[in-house]
Structure formats: structure tokens, C-alpha cells
Protein backbone atom coordinates (compact mmCIF):
# COMPACT_ATOMS: atom_id res chain seq x y z
CA MET A 1 138.61 172.52 -16.63
CA ARG A 2 138.08 173.87 -13.09
CA PHE A 3 136.38 172.11 -10.21
CA HIS A 4 135.40 173.70 -6.92
CA VAL A 5 134.32 172.12 -3.67
CA LEU A 6 132.19 174.71 -1.89
CA ARG A 7 132.00 174.68 1.89
CA PRO A 8 129.55 177.03 3.59
CA GLY A 9 131.27 180.16 4.84
CA GLN A 10 134.57 179.56 3.02
CA PRO A 11 135.61 181.63 -0.01
CA VAL A 12 136.91 179.75 -3.03
CA LEU A 13 139.92 180.95 -5.01
CA SER A 14 139.63 180.39 -8.76
CA PRO A 15 142.90 179.75 -10.55
CA ILE A 16 143.93 182.20 -13.25
CA PRO A 17 142.49 180.96 -16.57
CA PRO A 18 144.95 180.07 -19.37
CA ALA A 19 143.88 182.93 -21.71
CA LEU A 20 143.86 186.08 -19.60
CA PRO A 21 141.21 188.64 -20.52
CA ALA A 22 142.24 192.24 -19.83
CA VAL A 23 139.06 192.93 -17.83
CA VAL A 24 137.58 190.74 -15.09
CA TYR A 25 134.06 191.73 -14.01
CA GLY A 26 133.05 191.38 -10.37
CA THR A 27 132.93 193.55 -7.26
CA GLY A 28 135.92 195.62 -8.34
CA HIS A 29 139.58 195.48 -7.29
CA GLY A 30 140.51 193.88 -4.00
CA THR A 31 143.25 191.89 -2.32
CA LEU A 32 143.08 188.53 -0.60
CA ALA A 33 146.13 187.03 1.11
CA GLY A 34 148.32 189.56 -0.73
CA GLN A 35 146.98 188.64 -4.19
CA GLU A 36 145.08 191.09 -6.41
CA THR A 37 141.55 189.73 -6.76
CA THR A 38 137.92 190.45 -7.52
CA CYS A 39 134.85 188.63 -6.26
CA THR A 40 133.03 186.99 -9.20
CA ALA A 41 130.22 185.12 -7.38
CA MET A 42 128.15 185.97 -4.31
CA ALA A 43 125.38 184.37 -2.27
CA ALA A 44 123.05 185.44 0.51
CA ASP A 45 122.48 183.36 3.64
CA ALA A 46 119.11 182.84 5.38
CA SER A 47 119.42 186.24 7.13
CA GLY A 48 120.04 187.99 3.79
CA ALA A 49 123.71 188.75 4.49
CA GLU A 50 125.73 188.53 1.26
CA SER A 51 129.22 187.08 1.01
CA CYS A 52 131.65 186.27 -1.75
CA THR A 53 131.73 182.61 -2.79
CA THR A 54 134.36 182.82 -5.57
CA TRP A 55 137.43 185.05 -5.75
CA GLN A 56 139.21 185.42 -9.11
CA LEU A 57 142.96 186.01 -8.90
CA LEU A 58 144.13 188.73 -11.30
CA GLY A 59 147.06 188.00 -13.54
CA PRO A 60 149.57 190.37 -15.14
CA GLY A 61 147.81 192.98 -17.28
CA GLN A 62 144.36 192.22 -15.86
CA HIS A 63 142.22 194.71 -14.01
CA ALA A 64 138.95 194.33 -12.15
CA VAL A 65 135.86 196.25 -13.20
CA GLN A 66 132.66 196.47 -11.19
CA ALA A 67 129.91 194.42 -12.89
CA ALA A 68 126.58 196.11 -13.71
CA PRO A 69 123.67 195.33 -11.36
CA VAL A 70 121.63 192.17 -11.80
CA ALA A 71 118.50 192.64 -13.90
CA PRO A 72 115.41 192.46 -11.68
CA ILE A 73 113.16 189.40 -11.93
CA ALA A 74 109.48 190.10 -11.19
CA GLY A 75 108.33 188.44 -7.95
CA MET A 76 111.78 187.01 -7.18
CA ARG A 77 114.64 187.88 -4.83
CA CYS A 78 118.02 186.87 -6.17
CA VAL A 79 120.02 184.96 -3.53
CA ALA A 80 123.04 183.98 -5.65
CA VAL A 81 124.79 185.84 -8.48
CA VAL A 82 127.75 185.33 -10.78
CA ALA A 83 129.54 188.04 -12.76
CA ASN A 84 128.99 187.23 -16.44
CA GLN A 85 132.39 187.85 -18.04
CA GLU A 86 130.87 188.32 -21.51
CA THR A 87 128.16 190.87 -20.63
CA GLY A 88 129.84 192.56 -17.65
CA ARG A 89 126.61 192.20 -15.63
CA TRP A 90 125.73 190.25 -12.49
CA THR A 91 123.50 187.28 -13.43
CA CYS A 92 121.08 185.68 -10.98
CA THR A 93 121.82 181.96 -10.59
CA GLN A 94 119.39 181.27 -7.75
CA GLY A 95 116.22 183.07 -6.77
CA GLU A 96 113.39 182.70 -4.30
CA PRO A 97 109.85 184.11 -4.39
CA LEU A 98 109.26 187.41 -2.64
CA ALA A 99 106.80 187.32 0.25
CA GLY A 100 103.30 188.00 -1.02
CA SER A 101 104.08 187.16 -4.66
CA ALA A 102 102.21 184.47 -6.55
CA GLY A 103 103.50 181.02 -5.65
CA ALA A 104 105.02 182.17 -2.37
């Protein structure tokens, strides 16, 4: 079981899960503090600037693969996404109505 305390503007490092899948979907390969990583969750601030909110450390034998784009949602702008490790696609976890759409 993993618990995260999120603080605005601070990335969160996820520990390596016990059963290591060979592929970890996210933004692709990167490094953070000398560790091989990939970003697996992102959010946009009020200005629309996106930043990573969860970094996944890569273990031995793992490699990062860029997740497929999030599926569009009619009339909504996605402001937070997570890389679905089963589908290999970004999934919208928080949306807000687009200006001029019904309900906005």
C-alpha cells in the first residue's frame, strides 16, 4: 500500500512496486536526482502550465514508454492526468468545462 502527501509545487517520488513490470508508461525516460524515472501523473495550474506530480522510479529491467494521449472529453479540458499502466494511455482524473460549453 502506498500513501502520498501532495504539496503544491513539489514532485512526489513513488517507491518501486514489489512486482516490477517491464514497461512503465508515462512521459518517457528521464532522470531525477540521479535515478532513472518517468513521470506518471501530471496536473495543470490555474495558468494552464503543466507539471509532474508523481515520478515513478525505474527498477532493474524496467524501461519507460511514452503513454498514448488522453482521449478527448467533449466540452471538457483535462487538468490532471495519470498514466494508466494497464492501457498505456493517459487517463483524465480531473476536468473542467471549456469556456462557452454547456454548464460553463
